[in-house]
N, C-alpha and C. Protein backbone atom coordinates (compact mmCIF):
# COMPACT_ATOMS: atom_id res chain seq x y z
N MET A 1 -13.12 42.77 -30.70
CA MET A 1 -11.94 41.97 -31.06
C MET A 1 -10.98 41.86 -29.88
N LEU A 2 -10.74 42.99 -29.18
CA LEU A 2 -9.83 42.97 -28.05
C LEU A 2 -10.39 42.11 -26.92
N SER A 3 -11.71 42.20 -26.66
CA SER A 3 -12.30 41.41 -25.58
C SER A 3 -12.24 39.92 -25.92
N ARG A 4 -12.34 39.57 -27.21
CA ARG A 4 -12.24 38.17 -27.59
C ARG A 4 -10.83 37.63 -27.33
N ARG A 5 -9.82 38.44 -27.63
CA ARG A 5 -8.43 38.04 -27.38
C ARG A 5 -8.19 37.88 -25.88
N LEU A 6 -8.73 38.78 -25.09
CA LEU A 6 -8.58 38.67 -23.64
C LEU A 6 -9.26 37.39 -23.11
N LEU A 7 -10.43 37.09 -23.66
CA LEU A 7 -11.14 35.88 -23.28
C LEU A 7 -10.31 34.64 -23.61
N ILE A 8 -9.73 34.61 -24.81
CA ILE A 8 -8.91 33.47 -25.23
C ILE A 8 -7.67 33.36 -24.35
N LEU A 9 -7.00 34.52 -24.08
CA LEU A 9 -5.82 34.49 -23.23
C LEU A 9 -6.16 34.05 -21.82
N SER A 10 -7.30 34.50 -21.29
CA SER A 10 -7.72 34.08 -19.94
C SER A 10 -7.99 32.60 -19.88
N ALA A 11 -8.66 32.07 -20.89
CA ALA A 11 -8.93 30.64 -20.93
C ALA A 11 -7.64 29.84 -21.02
N ALA A 12 -6.70 30.32 -21.79
CA ALA A 12 -5.40 29.63 -21.91
C ALA A 12 -4.66 29.64 -20.58
N ALA A 13 -4.70 30.78 -19.88
CA ALA A 13 -4.03 30.88 -18.57
C ALA A 13 -4.66 29.92 -17.58
N VAL A 14 -5.99 29.82 -17.55
CA VAL A 14 -6.67 28.88 -16.65
C VAL A 14 -6.26 27.46 -16.96
N CYS A 15 -6.23 27.10 -18.24
CA CYS A 15 -5.85 25.75 -18.65
C CYS A 15 -4.42 25.43 -18.24
N LEU A 16 -3.49 26.38 -18.47
CA LEU A 16 -2.10 26.15 -18.11
C LEU A 16 -1.93 26.01 -16.62
N SER A 17 -2.60 26.82 -15.81
CA SER A 17 -2.46 26.70 -14.37
C SER A 17 -3.07 25.39 -13.87
N ALA A 18 -4.17 24.95 -14.47
CA ALA A 18 -4.77 23.66 -14.07
C ALA A 18 -3.86 22.52 -14.44
N CYS A 19 -3.25 22.57 -15.61
CA CYS A 19 -2.35 21.51 -16.05
C CYS A 19 -1.10 21.49 -15.19
N ALA A 20 -0.60 22.67 -14.82
CA ALA A 20 0.61 22.74 -14.00
C ALA A 20 0.34 22.24 -12.59
N ALA A 21 -0.89 22.39 -12.10
CA ALA A 21 -1.23 21.96 -10.74
C ALA A 21 -1.26 20.45 -10.60
N ARG A 22 -1.47 19.74 -11.69
CA ARG A 22 -1.50 18.28 -11.64
C ARG A 22 -0.08 17.75 -11.49
N THR A 23 0.11 16.93 -10.46
CA THR A 23 1.40 16.29 -10.33
C THR A 23 1.24 14.84 -10.73
N PRO A 24 2.25 14.30 -11.39
CA PRO A 24 2.11 12.91 -11.81
C PRO A 24 2.02 11.97 -10.62
N ALA A 25 1.31 10.89 -10.81
CA ALA A 25 1.17 9.90 -9.74
C ALA A 25 2.55 9.33 -9.44
N PRO A 26 2.84 9.06 -8.15
CA PRO A 26 4.16 8.52 -7.82
C PRO A 26 4.33 7.10 -8.39
N THR A 27 5.56 6.78 -8.71
CA THR A 27 5.91 5.45 -9.19
C THR A 27 7.18 5.01 -8.47
N ASP A 28 7.42 3.69 -8.48
CA ASP A 28 8.66 3.19 -7.92
C ASP A 28 9.77 3.22 -8.97
N GLU A 29 10.93 2.68 -8.64
CA GLU A 29 12.09 2.72 -9.52
C GLU A 29 11.82 2.01 -10.84
N ALA A 30 10.93 1.04 -10.86
CA ALA A 30 10.62 0.29 -12.07
C ALA A 30 9.42 0.89 -12.81
N GLY A 31 8.90 2.02 -12.33
CA GLY A 31 7.77 2.66 -13.00
C GLY A 31 6.42 2.14 -12.58
N ARG A 32 6.35 1.27 -11.56
CA ARG A 32 5.07 0.76 -11.09
C ARG A 32 4.36 1.84 -10.27
N PRO A 33 3.04 2.03 -10.47
CA PRO A 33 2.33 3.08 -9.73
C PRO A 33 2.26 2.77 -8.24
N LEU A 34 2.31 3.83 -7.45
CA LEU A 34 2.23 3.75 -5.99
C LEU A 34 1.09 4.62 -5.49
N GLU A 35 0.52 4.20 -4.36
CA GLU A 35 -0.57 4.97 -3.72
C GLU A 35 -0.19 5.25 -2.27
N ALA A 36 -0.70 6.34 -1.74
CA ALA A 36 -0.45 6.72 -0.35
C ALA A 36 -1.29 5.85 0.59
N LEU A 37 -0.70 5.50 1.72
CA LEU A 37 -1.35 4.70 2.75
C LEU A 37 -0.76 5.16 4.09
N THR A 38 -1.59 5.20 5.10
CA THR A 38 -1.13 5.62 6.44
C THR A 38 -1.48 4.55 7.46
N VAL A 39 -0.53 4.22 8.31
CA VAL A 39 -0.77 3.31 9.44
C VAL A 39 -0.79 4.18 10.69
N VAL A 40 -1.91 4.10 11.43
CA VAL A 40 -2.08 4.92 12.64
C VAL A 40 -1.86 4.02 13.84
N THR A 41 -0.85 4.35 14.64
CA THR A 41 -0.50 3.55 15.83
C THR A 41 -0.46 4.49 17.03
N ALA A 42 -0.14 3.95 18.19
CA ALA A 42 -0.03 4.77 19.41
C ALA A 42 1.10 5.79 19.27
N THR A 43 2.05 5.53 18.37
CA THR A 43 3.18 6.46 18.20
C THR A 43 2.91 7.53 17.15
N GLY A 44 1.75 7.49 16.49
CA GLY A 44 1.42 8.51 15.52
C GLY A 44 1.00 7.94 14.18
N GLU A 45 1.00 8.80 13.16
CA GLU A 45 0.62 8.40 11.80
C GLU A 45 1.90 8.17 11.00
N HIS A 46 1.95 7.04 10.30
CA HIS A 46 3.14 6.65 9.55
C HIS A 46 2.74 6.45 8.09
N ASP A 47 3.33 7.27 7.22
CA ASP A 47 2.98 7.28 5.81
C ASP A 47 3.85 6.36 4.97
N PHE A 48 3.20 5.68 4.06
CA PHE A 48 3.88 4.76 3.12
C PHE A 48 3.36 5.01 1.71
N LEU A 49 4.16 4.63 0.73
CA LEU A 49 3.71 4.53 -0.64
C LEU A 49 3.67 3.06 -0.96
N VAL A 50 2.52 2.59 -1.43
CA VAL A 50 2.33 1.16 -1.64
C VAL A 50 1.95 0.84 -3.08
N GLU A 51 2.46 -0.28 -3.51
CA GLU A 51 2.04 -0.86 -4.79
C GLU A 51 0.78 -1.66 -4.50
N ILE A 52 -0.17 -1.66 -5.41
CA ILE A 52 -1.44 -2.35 -5.22
C ILE A 52 -1.43 -3.67 -5.97
N ALA A 53 -1.80 -4.75 -5.27
CA ALA A 53 -2.01 -6.07 -5.89
C ALA A 53 -3.49 -6.39 -5.75
N ASP A 54 -4.25 -6.11 -6.80
CA ASP A 54 -5.71 -6.24 -6.69
C ASP A 54 -6.32 -7.22 -7.68
N ASP A 55 -5.49 -7.99 -8.38
CA ASP A 55 -6.04 -9.07 -9.20
C ASP A 55 -5.21 -10.32 -8.92
N GLU A 56 -5.73 -11.47 -9.34
CA GLU A 56 -5.10 -12.72 -8.95
C GLU A 56 -3.63 -12.86 -9.39
N PRO A 57 -3.27 -12.52 -10.64
CA PRO A 57 -1.86 -12.63 -11.01
C PRO A 57 -0.94 -11.74 -10.15
N GLU A 58 -1.39 -10.51 -9.85
CA GLU A 58 -0.57 -9.63 -9.01
C GLU A 58 -0.46 -10.17 -7.59
N ARG A 59 -1.57 -10.68 -7.06
CA ARG A 59 -1.54 -11.23 -5.70
C ARG A 59 -0.67 -12.48 -5.63
N GLU A 60 -0.68 -13.31 -6.66
CA GLU A 60 0.15 -14.51 -6.67
C GLU A 60 1.64 -14.15 -6.73
N ARG A 61 1.98 -13.13 -7.51
CA ARG A 61 3.38 -12.73 -7.71
C ARG A 61 3.90 -11.95 -6.50
N GLY A 62 3.10 -11.06 -5.98
CA GLY A 62 3.49 -10.28 -4.81
C GLY A 62 4.88 -9.68 -4.93
N LEU A 63 5.69 -9.88 -3.93
CA LEU A 63 7.05 -9.35 -3.93
C LEU A 63 8.10 -10.40 -4.26
N MET A 64 7.69 -11.46 -4.96
CA MET A 64 8.65 -12.49 -5.36
C MET A 64 9.75 -11.87 -6.22
N PHE A 65 10.96 -12.37 -6.00
CA PHE A 65 12.13 -11.99 -6.81
C PHE A 65 12.47 -10.49 -6.71
N ARG A 66 11.99 -9.80 -5.69
CA ARG A 66 12.21 -8.36 -5.56
C ARG A 66 13.26 -8.07 -4.50
N PRO A 67 13.99 -6.97 -4.67
CA PRO A 67 14.95 -6.54 -3.60
C PRO A 67 14.18 -6.08 -2.36
N PRO A 68 14.88 -5.90 -1.25
CA PRO A 68 14.20 -5.44 -0.03
C PRO A 68 13.49 -4.11 -0.25
N LEU A 69 12.38 -3.93 0.46
CA LEU A 69 11.60 -2.70 0.37
C LEU A 69 12.29 -1.57 1.13
N PRO A 70 12.22 -0.33 0.58
CA PRO A 70 12.66 0.82 1.36
C PRO A 70 11.74 1.01 2.57
N ASP A 71 12.17 1.79 3.55
CA ASP A 71 11.40 1.99 4.77
C ASP A 71 10.01 2.55 4.55
N ASP A 72 9.83 3.38 3.49
CA ASP A 72 8.54 4.06 3.28
C ASP A 72 7.69 3.38 2.20
N ARG A 73 8.00 2.15 1.86
CA ARG A 73 7.29 1.44 0.79
C ARG A 73 6.63 0.18 1.31
N GLY A 74 5.68 -0.32 0.52
CA GLY A 74 5.00 -1.56 0.85
C GLY A 74 4.19 -2.04 -0.32
N MET A 75 3.49 -3.15 -0.10
CA MET A 75 2.55 -3.68 -1.10
C MET A 75 1.27 -3.97 -0.36
N LEU A 76 0.15 -3.46 -0.93
CA LEU A 76 -1.17 -3.69 -0.35
C LEU A 76 -1.92 -4.67 -1.26
N PHE A 77 -2.22 -5.83 -0.71
CA PHE A 77 -3.02 -6.84 -1.41
C PHE A 77 -4.47 -6.58 -1.08
N GLN A 78 -5.30 -6.46 -2.12
CA GLN A 78 -6.71 -6.18 -1.95
C GLN A 78 -7.52 -7.37 -2.44
N PHE A 79 -8.42 -7.84 -1.60
CA PHE A 79 -9.29 -8.97 -1.92
C PHE A 79 -10.75 -8.51 -1.94
N PRO A 80 -11.56 -9.11 -2.80
CA PRO A 80 -12.97 -8.67 -2.94
C PRO A 80 -13.84 -9.07 -1.75
N ASP A 81 -13.34 -9.99 -0.92
CA ASP A 81 -14.13 -10.46 0.23
C ASP A 81 -13.26 -10.53 1.46
N SER A 82 -13.91 -10.62 2.59
CA SER A 82 -13.21 -10.75 3.86
C SER A 82 -13.24 -12.22 4.25
N ALA A 83 -12.07 -12.80 4.48
CA ALA A 83 -11.98 -14.22 4.81
C ALA A 83 -10.67 -14.46 5.53
N GLU A 84 -10.56 -15.65 6.10
CA GLU A 84 -9.26 -16.08 6.67
C GLU A 84 -8.26 -16.10 5.51
N ARG A 85 -7.11 -15.49 5.69
CA ARG A 85 -6.07 -15.43 4.66
C ARG A 85 -4.85 -16.19 5.13
N GLY A 86 -4.04 -16.60 4.17
CA GLY A 86 -2.77 -17.22 4.46
C GLY A 86 -1.77 -16.84 3.38
N PHE A 87 -0.62 -16.35 3.79
CA PHE A 87 0.43 -15.98 2.86
C PHE A 87 1.67 -16.84 3.11
N TRP A 88 2.53 -16.88 2.10
CA TRP A 88 3.81 -17.56 2.26
C TRP A 88 4.88 -16.71 1.63
N MET A 89 6.13 -17.14 1.73
CA MET A 89 7.27 -16.34 1.28
C MET A 89 7.99 -16.99 0.09
N ARG A 90 7.28 -17.84 -0.63
CA ARG A 90 7.89 -18.51 -1.79
C ARG A 90 8.55 -17.48 -2.72
N ASN A 91 9.81 -17.75 -3.06
CA ASN A 91 10.58 -16.92 -3.99
C ASN A 91 10.70 -15.46 -3.56
N THR A 92 10.53 -15.19 -2.27
CA THR A 92 10.68 -13.83 -1.75
C THR A 92 11.98 -13.78 -0.97
N PRO A 93 12.98 -13.06 -1.50
CA PRO A 93 14.33 -13.09 -0.93
C PRO A 93 14.57 -12.31 0.33
N SER A 94 13.65 -11.42 0.72
CA SER A 94 13.86 -10.64 1.93
C SER A 94 12.73 -10.85 2.93
N SER A 95 13.06 -10.76 4.18
CA SER A 95 12.07 -10.92 5.24
C SER A 95 11.10 -9.74 5.22
N LEU A 96 9.85 -10.03 5.57
CA LEU A 96 8.79 -9.02 5.57
C LEU A 96 8.00 -9.06 6.87
N ASP A 97 7.31 -7.96 7.15
CA ASP A 97 6.24 -7.94 8.15
C ASP A 97 4.95 -7.99 7.34
N ILE A 98 4.01 -8.87 7.73
CA ILE A 98 2.75 -9.02 7.01
C ILE A 98 1.64 -8.62 7.94
N LEU A 99 0.88 -7.58 7.57
CA LEU A 99 -0.21 -7.05 8.38
C LEU A 99 -1.53 -7.43 7.70
N TYR A 100 -2.35 -8.21 8.39
CA TYR A 100 -3.67 -8.58 7.89
C TYR A 100 -4.66 -7.54 8.38
N ILE A 101 -5.55 -7.06 7.48
CA ILE A 101 -6.40 -5.91 7.77
C ILE A 101 -7.85 -6.23 7.42
N ASP A 102 -8.79 -5.84 8.30
CA ASP A 102 -10.21 -6.09 8.05
C ASP A 102 -10.82 -4.98 7.18
N PRO A 103 -12.05 -5.13 6.72
CA PRO A 103 -12.68 -4.14 5.82
C PRO A 103 -12.75 -2.71 6.38
N ALA A 104 -12.74 -2.57 7.69
CA ALA A 104 -12.79 -1.24 8.32
C ALA A 104 -11.42 -0.62 8.44
N GLY A 105 -10.37 -1.35 8.05
CA GLY A 105 -9.01 -0.84 8.14
C GLY A 105 -8.31 -1.13 9.45
N ARG A 106 -8.89 -2.01 10.28
CA ARG A 106 -8.24 -2.41 11.53
C ARG A 106 -7.31 -3.58 11.32
N ILE A 107 -6.14 -3.50 11.90
CA ILE A 107 -5.16 -4.59 11.78
C ILE A 107 -5.65 -5.77 12.61
N VAL A 108 -5.83 -6.92 11.94
CA VAL A 108 -6.29 -8.14 12.59
C VAL A 108 -5.12 -8.84 13.30
N SER A 109 -4.01 -8.97 12.58
CA SER A 109 -2.81 -9.63 13.14
C SER A 109 -1.61 -9.20 12.34
N ILE A 110 -0.43 -9.45 12.93
CA ILE A 110 0.84 -9.10 12.27
C ILE A 110 1.78 -10.30 12.36
N ALA A 111 2.31 -10.73 11.22
CA ALA A 111 3.36 -11.72 11.19
C ALA A 111 4.66 -10.94 11.01
N ARG A 112 5.53 -10.99 12.01
CA ARG A 112 6.75 -10.19 12.01
C ARG A 112 7.97 -11.01 11.59
N HIS A 113 8.84 -10.37 10.83
CA HIS A 113 10.12 -10.99 10.42
C HIS A 113 9.91 -12.38 9.81
N THR A 114 9.10 -12.45 8.76
CA THR A 114 8.85 -13.73 8.09
C THR A 114 10.14 -14.29 7.48
N THR A 115 10.15 -15.59 7.28
CA THR A 115 11.34 -16.28 6.78
C THR A 115 11.39 -16.25 5.25
N PRO A 116 12.44 -15.65 4.68
CA PRO A 116 12.56 -15.62 3.21
C PRO A 116 12.48 -17.02 2.62
N TYR A 117 11.85 -17.13 1.47
CA TYR A 117 11.72 -18.35 0.67
C TYR A 117 10.88 -19.44 1.32
N SER A 118 10.33 -19.22 2.49
CA SER A 118 9.55 -20.26 3.15
C SER A 118 8.23 -20.50 2.47
N GLU A 119 7.82 -21.76 2.41
CA GLU A 119 6.53 -22.13 1.84
C GLU A 119 5.52 -22.47 2.93
N THR A 120 5.86 -22.17 4.18
CA THR A 120 4.94 -22.36 5.29
C THR A 120 3.88 -21.27 5.25
N THR A 121 2.62 -21.66 5.34
CA THR A 121 1.52 -20.70 5.30
C THR A 121 1.49 -19.91 6.61
N ILE A 122 1.35 -18.61 6.48
CA ILE A 122 1.26 -17.71 7.62
C ILE A 122 -0.19 -17.22 7.70
N PRO A 123 -0.97 -17.71 8.68
CA PRO A 123 -2.41 -17.40 8.74
C PRO A 123 -2.69 -16.01 9.28
N SER A 124 -3.85 -15.48 8.88
CA SER A 124 -4.27 -14.16 9.36
C SER A 124 -4.88 -14.22 10.76
N ASN A 125 -5.34 -15.38 11.16
CA ASN A 125 -5.98 -15.54 12.48
C ASN A 125 -7.21 -14.66 12.64
N GLY A 126 -7.94 -14.52 11.57
CA GLY A 126 -9.17 -13.75 11.57
C GLY A 126 -9.46 -13.28 10.16
N PRO A 127 -10.73 -12.91 9.88
CA PRO A 127 -11.10 -12.46 8.53
C PRO A 127 -10.38 -11.17 8.13
N ALA A 128 -9.87 -11.13 6.93
CA ALA A 128 -9.19 -9.95 6.39
C ALA A 128 -9.50 -9.82 4.91
N ASN A 129 -9.58 -8.59 4.43
CA ASN A 129 -9.72 -8.38 2.99
C ASN A 129 -8.54 -7.58 2.44
N GLY A 130 -7.63 -7.18 3.33
CA GLY A 130 -6.43 -6.48 2.93
C GLY A 130 -5.23 -7.07 3.63
N VAL A 131 -4.09 -7.04 2.94
CA VAL A 131 -2.83 -7.51 3.52
C VAL A 131 -1.76 -6.52 3.11
N LEU A 132 -1.03 -5.99 4.10
CA LEU A 132 0.02 -5.02 3.85
C LEU A 132 1.36 -5.68 4.15
N GLU A 133 2.25 -5.68 3.17
CA GLU A 133 3.61 -6.19 3.38
C GLU A 133 4.57 -5.01 3.46
N LEU A 134 5.38 -5.02 4.53
CA LEU A 134 6.40 -4.00 4.78
C LEU A 134 7.73 -4.69 5.00
N ARG A 135 8.80 -3.91 4.93
CA ARG A 135 10.13 -4.45 5.23
C ARG A 135 10.11 -4.99 6.66
N ALA A 136 10.76 -6.13 6.85
CA ALA A 136 10.82 -6.74 8.18
C ALA A 136 11.35 -5.75 9.22
N GLY A 137 10.66 -5.67 10.34
CA GLY A 137 11.06 -4.77 11.42
C GLY A 137 10.30 -3.43 11.40
N ARG A 138 9.68 -3.08 10.29
CA ARG A 138 8.98 -1.79 10.21
C ARG A 138 7.78 -1.73 11.16
N ALA A 139 7.05 -2.86 11.29
CA ALA A 139 5.91 -2.86 12.18
C ALA A 139 6.35 -2.52 13.63
N ASP A 140 7.47 -3.08 14.09
CA ASP A 140 7.96 -2.76 15.41
C ASP A 140 8.42 -1.32 15.49
N GLU A 141 9.10 -0.85 14.44
CA GLU A 141 9.63 0.52 14.43
C GLU A 141 8.51 1.57 14.57
N ILE A 142 7.36 1.31 13.98
CA ILE A 142 6.26 2.28 14.07
C ILE A 142 5.30 1.95 15.19
N GLY A 143 5.57 0.86 15.91
CA GLY A 143 4.71 0.47 17.04
C GLY A 143 3.38 -0.14 16.64
N ALA A 144 3.31 -0.75 15.46
CA ALA A 144 2.06 -1.33 14.98
C ALA A 144 1.64 -2.53 15.82
N GLN A 145 0.35 -2.58 16.14
CA GLN A 145 -0.24 -3.68 16.92
C GLN A 145 -1.59 -4.05 16.30
N ALA A 146 -2.05 -5.24 16.59
CA ALA A 146 -3.41 -5.62 16.23
C ALA A 146 -4.37 -4.59 16.85
N GLY A 147 -5.36 -4.17 16.06
CA GLY A 147 -6.31 -3.15 16.53
C GLY A 147 -5.99 -1.77 16.02
N ASP A 148 -4.74 -1.51 15.59
CA ASP A 148 -4.39 -0.22 15.00
C ASP A 148 -5.07 -0.08 13.66
N THR A 149 -5.02 1.10 13.08
CA THR A 149 -5.80 1.43 11.88
C THR A 149 -4.90 1.68 10.67
N VAL A 150 -5.37 1.25 9.50
CA VAL A 150 -4.73 1.54 8.24
C VAL A 150 -5.69 2.40 7.43
N LYS A 151 -5.19 3.57 6.99
CA LYS A 151 -6.01 4.50 6.19
C LYS A 151 -5.62 4.37 4.72
N HIS A 152 -6.59 4.02 3.91
CA HIS A 152 -6.43 3.93 2.45
C HIS A 152 -7.84 3.87 1.89
N PRO A 153 -8.10 4.43 0.74
CA PRO A 153 -9.46 4.41 0.18
C PRO A 153 -10.09 3.03 0.05
N PHE A 154 -9.29 1.98 0.03
CA PHE A 154 -9.83 0.62 -0.08
C PHE A 154 -10.64 0.25 1.17
N PHE A 155 -10.24 0.77 2.32
CA PHE A 155 -10.90 0.42 3.58
C PHE A 155 -11.97 1.42 3.90
N ARG A 156 -13.09 0.92 4.49
CA ARG A 156 -14.24 1.75 4.83
C ARG A 156 -14.45 1.75 6.34
N PRO A 157 -13.90 2.78 7.03
CA PRO A 157 -14.03 2.80 8.50
C PRO A 157 -15.48 2.98 8.94
């Protein structure tokens, strides 16, 4: 009887410690889930929390009607194929840096300080399956250049 109680108490302790070890996934101020992403440049590794846009409605909406991004935040657009991409700033009130990324996680090109509300298409200038949007000026602050690497499970180096 005593050994059975000890077994039950031990199992309960293991369960509680496992449950306590789990931390909730990060979310933004509106409760949208965020994922970790790292941009590796000549100046080091730069960590961000990004919202994922991986279906057509999310990709179409993007950061429209949103306030400016904090320094450590972004949005990662994920596409099922690698192709020439083009983005615009329709209904986007703040300037962004747009990083086009190939399937291996290499930055193809960067559009810096885009014009808010512009409907002019901003081309990737090469095949990309990922697009990272950051607050305007962040790419320069971290020293991001074409050829640098983005680490996220979506990309396969």
